Amino acid sequence: MSLQHLNPVLSSPKRIAALGMLTATKKVDFAFVAEHLQLSDSDLSKQMKALADVGYVKTTKTGSGPRRRTWFAITAEGTKALNAHVAALNALVLETLPPPN
């Protein structure tokens, strides 16, 4: 395994954490993600836009006016990308560990 197997979109720990949250549920509210990852609204928007732009996250909006809410859901492609990235990270770590005694 080499560095080329890592997904550059998932190089940000914030994006990995967000996708990890989304794997546990069908959809997650913007405010919930921001609070649990301790991200500002603008930072979360930036991270989720990057994930949505490559098709890893689907964004939907409900309500109107002050009751408008943004929801995120991981896509099948996002799940596949996250799993592959985690496997590549694990392989890199395992390659660098010394053999057991």
PDB file of N, CA and C in Angstrom:
ATOM      1  N   MET A   1       0.859  -1.172   0.000  1.00  0.00           N
ATOM      2  CA  MET A   1       0.000   0.000   0.000  1.00  0.00           C
ATOM      3  C   MET A   1       0.904   1.233   0.000  1.00  0.00           C
ATOM      4  N   SER A   2       0.467   2.257  -0.686  1.00  0.00           N
ATOM      5  CA  SER A   2       1.264   3.483  -0.725  1.00  0.00           C
ATOM      6  C   SER A   2       0.362   4.692  -0.512  1.00  0.00           C
ATOM      7  N   LEU A   3       0.999   5.839  -0.449  1.00  0.00           N
ATOM      8  CA  LEU A   3       0.244   7.080  -0.259  1.00  0.00           C
ATOM      9  C   LEU A   3      -0.744   7.334  -1.383  1.00  0.00           C
ATOM     10  N   GLN A   4      -0.473   6.814  -2.558  1.00  0.00           N
ATOM     11  CA  GLN A   4      -1.376   7.052  -3.696  1.00  0.00           C
ATOM     12  C   GLN A   4      -2.748   6.412  -3.491  1.00  0.00           C
ATOM     13  N   HIS A   5      -2.854   5.480  -2.543  1.00  0.00           N
ATOM     14  CA  HIS A   5      -4.139   4.844  -2.269  1.00  0.00           C
ATOM     15  C   HIS A   5      -5.023   5.674  -1.334  1.00  0.00           C
ATOM     16  N   LEU A   6      -4.449   6.737  -0.762  1.00  0.00           N
ATOM     17  CA  LEU A   6      -5.242   7.615   0.091  1.00  0.00           C
ATOM     18  C   LEU A   6      -6.079   8.558  -0.757  1.00  0.00           C
ATOM     19  N   ASN A   7      -7.271   8.833  -0.305  1.00  0.00           N
ATOM     20  CA  ASN A   7      -8.201   9.703  -1.017  1.00  0.00           C
ATOM     21  C   ASN A   7      -7.926  11.156  -0.611  1.00  0.00           C
ATOM     22  N   PRO A   8      -7.496  12.007  -1.549  1.00  0.00           N
ATOM     23  CA  PRO A   8      -7.173  13.389  -1.189  1.00  0.00           C
ATOM     24  C   PRO A   8      -8.366  14.177  -0.639  1.00  0.00           C
ATOM     25  N   VAL A   9      -9.575  13.839  -1.053  1.00  0.00           N
ATOM     26  CA  VAL A   9     -10.760  14.530  -0.527  1.00  0.00           C
ATOM     27  C   VAL A   9     -10.915  14.225   0.961  1.00  0.00           C
ATOM     28  N   LEU A  10     -10.465  13.048   1.370  1.00  0.00           N
ATOM     29  CA  LEU A  10     -10.605  12.642   2.763  1.00  0.00           C
ATOM     30  C   LEU A  10      -9.336  12.883   3.573  1.00  0.00           C
ATOM     31  N   SER A  11      -8.479  13.749   3.075  1.00  0.00           N
ATOM     32  CA  SER A  11      -7.255  14.067   3.810  1.00  0.00           C
ATOM     33  C   SER A  11      -7.545  14.918   5.048  1.00  0.00           C
ATOM     34  N   SER A  12      -8.697  15.530   5.079  1.00  0.00           N
ATOM     35  CA  SER A  12      -9.091  16.361   6.219  1.00  0.00           C
ATOM     36  C   SER A  12      -9.754  15.502   7.304  1.00  0.00           C
ATOM     37  N   PRO A  13      -9.231  15.539   8.520  1.00  0.00           N
ATOM     38  CA  PRO A  13      -9.879  14.799   9.613  1.00  0.00           C
ATOM     39  C   PRO A  13     -11.329  15.229   9.838  1.00  0.00           C
ATOM     40  N   LYS A  14     -11.627  16.482   9.538  1.00  0.00           N
ATOM     41  CA  LYS A  14     -13.003  16.969   9.697  1.00  0.00           C
ATOM     42  C   LYS A  14     -13.946  16.237   8.755  1.00  0.00           C
ATOM     43  N   ARG A  15     -13.497  15.997   7.540  1.00  0.00           N
ATOM     44  CA  ARG A  15     -14.334  15.298   6.559  1.00  0.00           C
ATOM     45  C   ARG A  15     -14.492  13.826   6.921  1.00  0.00           C
ATOM     46  N   ILE A  16     -13.412  13.209   7.389  1.00  0.00           N
ATOM     47  CA  ILE A  16     -13.503  11.811   7.813  1.00  0.00           C
ATOM     48  C   ILE A  16     -14.477  11.699   8.988  1.00  0.00           C
ATOM     49  N   ALA A  17     -14.366  12.591   9.944  1.00  0.00           N
ATOM     50  CA  ALA A  17     -15.251  12.567  11.107  1.00  0.00           C
ATOM     51  C   ALA A  17     -16.707  12.765  10.701  1.00  0.00           C
ATOM     52  N   ALA A  18     -16.946  13.689   9.791  1.00  0.00           N
ATOM     53  CA  ALA A  18     -18.314  13.941   9.330  1.00  0.00           C
ATOM     54  C   ALA A  18     -18.881  12.714   8.635  1.00  0.00           C
ATOM     55  N   LEU A  19     -18.102  12.099   7.752  1.00  0.00           N
ATOM     56  CA  LEU A  19     -18.586  10.897   7.075  1.00  0.00           C
ATOM     57  C   LEU A  19     -18.808   9.774   8.075  1.00  0.00           C
ATOM     58  N   GLY A  20     -17.933   9.674   9.062  1.00  0.00           N
ATOM     59  CA  GLY A  20     -18.109   8.658  10.094  1.00  0.00           C
ATOM     60  C   GLY A  20     -19.421   8.824  10.830  1.00  0.00           C
ATOM     61  N   MET A  21     -19.771  10.058  11.143  1.00  0.00           N
ATOM     62  CA  MET A  21     -21.057  10.323  11.797  1.00  0.00           C
ATOM     63  C   MET A  21     -22.216   9.899  10.914  1.00  0.00           C
ATOM     64  N   LEU A  22     -22.082  10.181   9.633  1.00  0.00           N
ATOM     65  CA  LEU A  22     -23.181   9.892   8.716  1.00  0.00           C
ATOM     66  C   LEU A  22     -23.377   8.400   8.479  1.00  0.00           C
ATOM     67  N   THR A  23     -22.348   7.602   8.690  1.00  0.00           N
ATOM     68  CA  THR A  23     -22.492   6.160   8.470  1.00  0.00           C
ATOM     69  C   THR A  23     -23.397   5.516   9.516  1.00  0.00           C
ATOM     70  N   ALA A  24     -23.582   6.181  10.637  1.00  0.00           N
ATOM     71  CA  ALA A  24     -24.358   5.606  11.737  1.00  0.00           C
ATOM     72  C   ALA A  24     -25.854   5.885  11.646  1.00  0.00           C
ATOM     73  N   THR A  25     -26.283   6.671  10.675  1.00  0.00           N
ATOM     74  CA  THR A  25     -27.691   7.061  10.603  1.00  0.00           C
ATOM     75  C   THR A  25     -28.091   7.351   9.160  1.00  0.00           C
ATOM     76  N   LYS A  26     -29.382   7.483   8.933  1.00  0.00           N
ATOM     77  CA  LYS A  26     -29.866   7.779   7.582  1.00  0.00           C
ATOM     78  C   LYS A  26     -29.593   9.218   7.184  1.00  0.00           C
ATOM     79  N   LYS A  27     -29.806  10.140   8.117  1.00  0.00           N
ATOM     80  CA  LYS A  27     -29.533  11.552   7.843  1.00  0.00           C
ATOM     81  C   LYS A  27     -29.239  12.261   9.147  1.00  0.00           C
ATOM     82  N   VAL A  28     -28.470  13.342   9.040  1.00  0.00           N
ATOM     83  CA  VAL A  28     -28.065  14.095  10.223  1.00  0.00           C
ATOM     84  C   VAL A  28     -28.279  15.580   9.960  1.00  0.00           C
ATOM     85  N   ASP A  29     -28.785  16.274  10.956  1.00  0.00           N
ATOM     86  CA  ASP A  29     -29.042  17.702  10.893  1.00  0.00           C
ATOM     87  C   ASP A  29     -27.722  18.483  10.990  1.00  0.00           C
ATOM     88  N   PHE A  30     -27.636  19.570  10.237  1.00  0.00           N
ATOM     89  CA  PHE A  30     -26.456  20.441  10.207  1.00  0.00           C
ATOM     90  C   PHE A  30     -26.009  20.821  11.616  1.00  0.00           C
ATOM     91  N   ALA A  31     -26.942  21.289  12.428  1.00  0.00           N
ATOM     92  CA  ALA A  31     -26.594  21.759  13.773  1.00  0.00           C
ATOM     93  C   ALA A  31     -26.015  20.634  14.624  1.00  0.00           C
ATOM     94  N   PHE A  32     -26.532  19.429  14.473  1.00  0.00           N
ATOM     95  CA  PHE A  32     -26.030  18.282  15.233  1.00  0.00           C
ATOM     96  C   PHE A  32     -24.582  17.989  14.859  1.00  0.00           C
ATOM     97  N   VAL A  33     -24.287  17.985  13.574  1.00  0.00           N
ATOM     98  CA  VAL A  33     -22.921  17.719  13.115  1.00  0.00           C
ATOM     99  C   VAL A  33     -21.979  18.821  13.615  1.00  0.00           C
ATOM    100  N   ALA A  34     -22.387  20.061  13.447  1.00  0.00           N
ATOM    101  CA  ALA A  34     -21.546  21.188  13.882  1.00  0.00           C
ATOM    102  C   ALA A  34     -21.247  21.112  15.370  1.00  0.00           C
ATOM    103  N   GLU A  35     -22.266  20.810  16.166  1.00  0.00           N
ATOM    104  CA  GLU A  35     -22.083  20.740  17.615  1.00  0.00           C
ATOM    105  C   GLU A  35     -21.167  19.584  18.009  1.00  0.00           C
ATOM    106  N   HIS A  36     -21.402  18.409  17.451  1.00  0.00           N
ATOM    107  CA  HIS A  36     -20.627  17.241  17.861  1.00  0.00           C
ATOM    108  C   HIS A  36     -19.190  17.255  17.346  1.00  0.00           C
ATOM    109  N   LEU A  37     -18.956  17.900  16.223  1.00  0.00           N
ATOM    110  CA  LEU A  37     -17.593  18.010  15.717  1.00  0.00           C
ATOM    111  C   LEU A  37     -16.924  19.305  16.169  1.00  0.00           C
ATOM    112  N   GLN A  38     -17.682  20.140  16.864  1.00  0.00           N
ATOM    113  CA  GLN A  38     -17.197  21.432  17.367  1.00  0.00           C
ATOM    114  C   GLN A  38     -16.618  22.286  16.238  1.00  0.00           C
ATOM    115  N   LEU A  39     -17.415  22.411  15.165  1.00  0.00           N
ATOM    116  CA  LEU A  39     -17.033  23.219  14.001  1.00  0.00           C
ATOM    117  C   LEU A  39     -17.953  24.425  13.904  1.00  0.00           C
ATOM    118  N   SER A  40     -17.414  25.517  13.408  1.00  0.00           N
ATOM    119  CA  SER A  40     -18.259  26.679  13.136  1.00  0.00           C
ATOM    120  C   SER A  40     -19.159  26.342  11.950  1.00  0.00           C
ATOM    121  N   ASP A  41     -20.233  27.095  11.811  1.00  0.00           N
ATOM    122  CA  ASP A  41     -21.141  26.870  10.680  1.00  0.00           C
ATOM    123  C   ASP A  41     -20.417  27.024   9.350  1.00  0.00           C
ATOM    124  N   SER A  42     -19.568  28.036   9.244  1.00  0.00           N
ATOM    125  CA  SER A  42     -18.871  28.263   7.971  1.00  0.00           C
ATOM    126  C   SER A  42     -17.878  27.142   7.672  1.00  0.00           C
ATOM    127  N   ASP A  43     -17.189  26.643   8.696  1.00  0.00           N
ATOM    128  CA  ASP A  43     -16.242  25.552   8.481  1.00  0.00           C
ATOM    129  C   ASP A  43     -16.982  24.281   8.083  1.00  0.00           C
ATOM    130  N   LEU A  44     -18.076  23.967   8.775  1.00  0.00           N
ATOM    131  CA  LEU A  44     -18.841  22.772   8.424  1.00  0.00           C
ATOM    132  C   LEU A  44     -19.388  22.891   7.011  1.00  0.00           C
ATOM    133  N   SER A  45     -19.902  24.053   6.643  1.00  0.00           N
ATOM    134  CA  SER A  45     -20.417  24.260   5.286  1.00  0.00           C
ATOM    135  C   SER A  45     -19.337  23.974   4.250  1.00  0.00           C
ATOM    136  N   LYS A  46     -18.148  24.477   4.498  1.00  0.00           N
ATOM    137  CA  LYS A  46     -17.023  24.281   3.572  1.00  0.00           C
ATOM    138  C   LYS A  46     -16.675  22.794   3.442  1.00  0.00           C
ATOM    139  N   GLN A  47     -16.600  22.097   4.573  1.00  0.00           N
ATOM    140  CA  GLN A  47     -16.239  20.680   4.551  1.00  0.00           C
ATOM    141  C   GLN A  47     -17.312  19.839   3.862  1.00  0.00           C
ATOM    142  N   MET A  48     -18.570  20.119   4.156  1.00  0.00           N
ATOM    143  CA  MET A  48     -19.651  19.334   3.571  1.00  0.00           C
ATOM    144  C   MET A  48     -19.823  19.635   2.087  1.00  0.00           C
ATOM    145  N   LYS A  49     -19.541  20.853   1.673  1.00  0.00           N
ATOM    146  CA  LYS A  49     -19.597  21.184   0.256  1.00  0.00           C
ATOM    147  C   LYS A  49     -18.548  20.378  -0.511  1.00  0.00           C
ATOM    148  N   ALA A  50     -17.353  20.264   0.062  1.00  0.00           N
ATOM    149  CA  ALA A  50     -16.299  19.478  -0.580  1.00  0.00           C
ATOM    150  C   ALA A  50     -16.738  18.022  -0.740  1.00  0.00           C
ATOM    151  N   LEU A  51     -17.405  17.478   0.272  1.00  0.00           N
ATOM    152  CA  LEU A  51     -17.888  16.098   0.194  1.00  0.00           C
ATOM    153  C   LEU A  51     -19.050  15.960  -0.783  1.00  0.00           C
ATOM    154  N   ALA A  52     -19.929  16.930  -0.806  1.00  0.00           N
ATOM    155  CA  ALA A  52     -21.073  16.903  -1.724  1.00  0.00           C
ATOM    156  C   ALA A  52     -20.618  17.062  -3.174  1.00  0.00           C
ATOM    157  N   ASP A  53     -19.610  17.882  -3.395  1.00  0.00           N
ATOM    158  CA  ASP A  53     -19.117  18.130  -4.757  1.00  0.00           C
ATOM    159  C   ASP A  53     -18.602  16.868  -5.436  1.00  0.00           C
ATOM    160  N   VAL A  54     -18.093  15.910  -4.643  1.00  0.00           N
ATOM    161  CA  VAL A  54     -17.591  14.664  -5.229  1.00  0.00           C
ATOM    162  C   VAL A  54     -18.597  13.520  -5.093  1.00  0.00           C
ATOM    163  N   GLY A  55     -19.778  13.839  -4.578  1.00  0.00           N
ATOM    164  CA  GLY A  55     -20.843  12.842  -4.510  1.00  0.00           C
ATOM    165  C   GLY A  55     -20.806  11.938  -3.295  1.00  0.00           C
ATOM    166  N   TYR A  56     -20.071  12.320  -2.251  1.00  0.00           N
ATOM    167  CA  TYR A  56     -19.986  11.488  -1.058  1.00  0.00           C
ATOM    168  C   TYR A  56     -21.108  11.773  -0.074  1.00  0.00           C
ATOM    169  N   VAL A  57     -21.710  12.950  -0.199  1.00  0.00           N
ATOM    170  CA  VAL A  57     -22.772  13.373   0.709  1.00  0.00           C
ATOM    171  C   VAL A  57     -23.904  13.975  -0.107  1.00  0.00           C
ATOM    172  N   LYS A  58     -25.116  13.676   0.316  1.00  0.00           N
ATOM    173  CA  LYS A  58     -26.302  14.297  -0.276  1.00  0.00           C
ATOM    174  C   LYS A  58     -26.838  15.301   0.737  1.00  0.00           C
ATOM    175  N   THR A  59     -27.130  16.507   0.258  1.00  0.00           N
ATOM    176  CA  THR A  59     -27.650  17.569   1.117  1.00  0.00           C
ATOM    177  C   THR A  59     -29.099  17.848   0.741  1.00  0.00           C
ATOM    178  N   THR A  60     -29.964  17.938   1.749  1.00  0.00           N
ATOM    179  CA  THR A  60     -31.355  18.323   1.521  1.00  0.00           C
ATOM    180  C   THR A  60     -31.730  19.404   2.516  1.00  0.00           C
ATOM    181  N   LYS A  61     -32.652  20.250   2.111  1.00  0.00           N
ATOM    182  CA  LYS A  61     -33.128  21.337   2.973  1.00  0.00           C
ATOM    183  C   LYS A  61     -34.622  21.161   3.161  1.00  0.00           C
ATOM    184  N   THR A  62     -35.066  21.377   4.401  1.00  0.00           N
ATOM    185  CA  THR A  62     -36.485  21.281   4.703  1.00  0.00           C
ATOM    186  C   THR A  62     -36.941  22.569   5.377  1.00  0.00           C
ATOM    187  N   GLY A  63     -38.237  22.817   5.318  1.00  0.00           N
ATOM    188  CA  GLY A  63     -38.801  23.990   5.965  1.00  0.00           C
ATOM    189  C   GLY A  63     -38.501  25.264   5.202  1.00  0.00           C
ATOM    190  N   SER A  64     -38.882  26.376   5.822  1.00  0.00           N
ATOM    191  CA  SER A  64     -38.623  27.681   5.219  1.00  0.00           C
ATOM    192  C   SER A  64     -38.444  28.706   6.331  1.00  0.00           C
ATOM    193  N   GLY A  65     -37.842  29.805   5.960  1.00  0.00           N
ATOM    194  CA  GLY A  65     -37.621  30.881   6.926  1.00  0.00           C
ATOM    195  C   GLY A  65     -36.774  30.417   8.091  1.00  0.00           C
ATOM    196  N   PRO A  66     -37.139  30.833   9.301  1.00  0.00           N
ATOM    197  CA  PRO A  66     -36.334  30.471  10.472  1.00  0.00           C
ATOM    198  C   PRO A  66     -36.384  28.976  10.802  1.00  0.00           C
ATOM    199  N   ARG A  67     -37.324  28.268  10.223  1.00  0.00           N
ATOM    200  CA  ARG A  67     -37.435  26.828  10.478  1.00  0.00           C
ATOM    201  C   ARG A  67     -36.708  25.986   9.424  1.00  0.00           C
ATOM    202  N   ARG A  68     -36.006  26.643   8.551  1.00  0.00           N
ATOM    203  CA  ARG A  68     -35.275  25.927   7.503  1.00  0.00           C
ATOM    204  C   ARG A  68     -34.133  25.139   8.133  1.00  0.00           C
ATOM    205  N   ARG A  69     -34.005  23.877   7.736  1.00  0.00           N
ATOM    206  CA  ARG A  69     -32.950  23.009   8.260  1.00  0.00           C
ATOM    207  C   ARG A  69     -32.236  22.323   7.102  1.00  0.00           C
ATOM    208  N   THR A  70     -30.961  22.080   7.305  1.00  0.00           N
ATOM    209  CA  THR A  70     -30.145  21.371   6.326  1.00  0.00           C
ATOM    210  C   THR A  70     -29.816  20.002   6.890  1.00  0.00           C
ATOM    211  N   TRP A  71     -29.977  18.979   6.038  1.00  0.00           N
ATOM    212  CA  TRP A  71     -29.725  17.595   6.421  1.00  0.00           C
ATOM    213  C   TRP A  71     -28.654  17.018   5.509  1.00  0.00           C
ATOM    214  N   PHE A  72     -27.851  16.123   6.074  1.00  0.00           N
ATOM    215  CA  PHE A  72     -26.825  15.435   5.306  1.00  0.00           C
ATOM    216  C   PHE A  72     -27.039  13.933   5.398  1.00  0.00           C
ATOM    217  N   ALA A  73     -26.743  13.258   4.298  1.00  0.00           N
ATOM    218  CA  ALA A  73     -26.774  11.793   4.273  1.00  0.00           C
ATOM    219  C   ALA A  73     -25.590  11.321   3.442  1.00  0.00           C
ATOM    220  N   ILE A  74     -24.950  10.264   3.892  1.00  0.00           N
ATOM    221  CA  ILE A  74     -23.841   9.711   3.136  1.00  0.00           C
ATOM    222  C   ILE A  74     -24.404   8.908   1.962  1.00  0.00           C
ATOM    223  N   THR A  75     -23.741   8.969   0.840  1.00  0.00           N
ATOM    224  CA  THR A  75     -24.149   8.214  -0.339  1.00  0.00           C
ATOM    225  C   THR A  75     -23.420   6.871  -0.359  1.00  0.00           C
ATOM    226  N   ALA A  76     -23.849   5.978  -1.241  1.00  0.00           N
ATOM    227  CA  ALA A  76     -23.152   4.695  -1.399  1.00  0.00           C
ATOM    228  C   ALA A  76     -21.707   4.944  -1.818  1.00  0.00           C
ATOM    229  N   GLU A  77     -21.507   5.917  -2.686  1.00  0.00           N
ATOM    230  CA  GLU A  77     -20.157   6.266  -3.117  1.00  0.00           C
ATOM    231  C   GLU A  77     -19.330   6.802  -1.942  1.00  0.00           C
ATOM    232  N   GLY A  78     -19.952   7.562  -1.065  1.00  0.00           N
ATOM    233  CA  GLY A  78     -19.265   8.083   0.110  1.00  0.00           C
ATOM    234  C   GLY A  78     -18.860   6.975   1.064  1.00  0.00           C
ATOM    235  N   THR A  79     -19.745   6.007   1.257  1.00  0.00           N
ATOM    236  CA  THR A  79     -19.432   4.866   2.117  1.00  0.00           C
ATOM    237  C   THR A  79     -18.260   4.078   1.544  1.00  0.00           C
ATOM    238  N   LYS A  80     -18.308   3.852   0.253  1.00  0.00           N
ATOM    239  CA  LYS A  80     -17.229   3.114  -0.415  1.00  0.00           C
ATOM    240  C   LYS A  80     -15.899   3.868  -0.286  1.00  0.00           C
ATOM    241  N   ALA A  81     -15.925   5.177  -0.502  1.00  0.00           N
ATOM    242  CA  ALA A  81     -14.706   5.988  -0.419  1.00  0.00           C
ATOM    243  C   ALA A  81     -14.148   5.998   0.995  1.00  0.00           C
ATOM    244  N   LEU A  82     -15.013   6.132   1.988  1.00  0.00           N
ATOM    245  CA  LEU A  82     -14.564   6.143   3.373  1.00  0.00           C
ATOM    246  C   LEU A  82     -13.937   4.807   3.745  1.00  0.00           C
ATOM    247  N   ASN A  83     -14.592   3.716   3.392  1.00  0.00           N
ATOM    248  CA  ASN A  83     -14.059   2.393   3.700  1.00  0.00           C
ATOM    249  C   ASN A  83     -12.703   2.159   3.037  1.00  0.00           C
ATOM    250  N   ALA A  84     -12.565   2.575   1.791  1.00  0.00           N
ATOM    251  CA  ALA A  84     -11.301   2.406   1.076  1.00  0.00           C
ATOM    252  C   ALA A  84     -10.196   3.258   1.702  1.00  0.00           C
ATOM    253  N   HIS A  85     -10.541   4.469   2.097  1.00  0.00           N
ATOM    254  CA  HIS A  85      -9.558   5.367   2.707  1.00  0.00           C
ATOM    255  C   HIS A  85      -9.080   4.817   4.052  1.00  0.00           C
ATOM    256  N   VAL A  86     -10.008   4.334   4.864  1.00  0.00           N
ATOM    257  CA  VAL A  86      -9.655   3.769   6.160  1.00  0.00           C
ATOM    258  C   VAL A  86      -8.788   2.522   5.972  1.00  0.00           C
ATOM    259  N   ALA A  87      -9.125   1.690   4.989  1.00  0.00           N
ATOM    260  CA  ALA A  87      -8.317   0.496   4.711  1.00  0.00           C
ATOM    261  C   ALA A  87      -6.905   0.901   4.286  1.00  0.00           C
ATOM    262  N   ALA A  88      -6.785   1.948   3.474  1.00  0.00           N
ATOM    263  CA  ALA A  88      -5.464   2.417   3.039  1.00  0.00           C
ATOM    264  C   ALA A  88      -4.661   2.958   4.223  1.00  0.00           C
ATOM    265  N   LEU A  89      -5.316   3.700   5.116  1.00  0.00           N
ATOM    266  CA  LEU A  89      -4.631   4.199   6.315  1.00  0.00           C
ATOM    267  C   LEU A  89      -4.151   3.043   7.193  1.00  0.00           C
ATOM    268  N   ASN A  90      -5.017   2.065   7.394  1.00  0.00           N
ATOM    269  CA  ASN A  90      -4.647   0.907   8.203  1.00  0.00           C
ATOM    270  C   ASN A  90      -3.464   0.165   7.590  1.00  0.00           C
ATOM    271  N   ALA A  91      -3.484  -0.017   6.279  1.00  0.00           N
ATOM    272  CA  ALA A  91      -2.396  -0.718   5.605  1.00  0.00           C
ATOM    273  C   ALA A  91      -1.083   0.038   5.763  1.00  0.00           C
ATOM    274  N   LEU A  92      -1.131   1.356   5.640  1.00  0.00           N
ATOM    275  CA  LEU A  92       0.085   2.147   5.813  1.00  0.00           C
ATOM    276  C   LEU A  92       0.655   2.010   7.222  1.00  0.00           C
ATOM    277  N   VAL A  93      -0.220   2.041   8.200  1.00  0.00           N
ATOM    278  CA  VAL A  93       0.226   1.913   9.588  1.00  0.00           C
ATOM    279  C   VAL A  93       0.817   0.523   9.819  1.00  0.00           C
ATOM    280  N   LEU A  94       0.127  -0.500   9.356  1.00  0.00           N
ATOM    281  CA  LEU A  94       0.607  -1.867   9.567  1.00  0.00           C
ATOM    282  C   LEU A  94       1.948  -2.110   8.886  1.00  0.00           C
ATOM    283  N   GLU A  95       2.176  -1.484   7.746  1.00  0.00           N
ATOM    284  CA  GLU A  95       3.451  -1.640   7.038  1.00  0.00           C
ATOM    285  C   GLU A  95       4.617  -1.044   7.804  1.00  0.00           C
ATOM    286  N   THR A  96       4.334  -0.038   8.619  1.00  0.00           N
ATOM    287  CA  THR A  96       5.421   0.659   9.319  1.00  0.00           C
ATOM    288  C   THR A  96       5.699   0.105  10.711  1.00  0.00           C
ATOM    289  N   LEU A  97       4.820  -0.768  11.205  1.00  0.00           N
ATOM    290  CA  LEU A  97       5.024  -1.340  12.528  1.00  0.00           C
ATOM    291  C   LEU A  97       6.140  -2.371  12.493  1.00  0.00           C
ATOM    292  N   PRO A  98       6.932  -2.422  13.531  1.00  0.00           N
ATOM    293  CA  PRO A  98       7.965  -3.457  13.583  1.00  0.00           C
ATOM    294  C   PRO A  98       7.324  -4.835  13.780  1.00  0.00           C
ATOM    295  N   PRO A  99       7.973  -5.875  13.313  1.00  0.00           N
ATOM    296  CA  PRO A  99       7.401  -7.208  13.500  1.00  0.00           C
ATOM    297  C   PRO A  99       7.303  -7.549  14.985  1.00  0.00           C
ATOM    298  N   PRO A 100       6.291  -8.335  15.371  1.00  0.00           N
ATOM    299  CA  PRO A 100       6.161  -8.696  16.782  1.00  0.00           C
ATOM    300  C   PRO A 100       7.338  -9.573  17.230  1.00  0.00           C
ATOM    301  N   ASN A 101       7.681  -9.463  18.475  1.00  0.00           N
ATOM    302  CA  ASN A 101       8.823 -10.242  19.016  1.00  0.00           C
ATOM    303  C   ASN A 101       8.471 -11.689  19.196  1.00  0.00           C
TER     304      ASN A 101
END
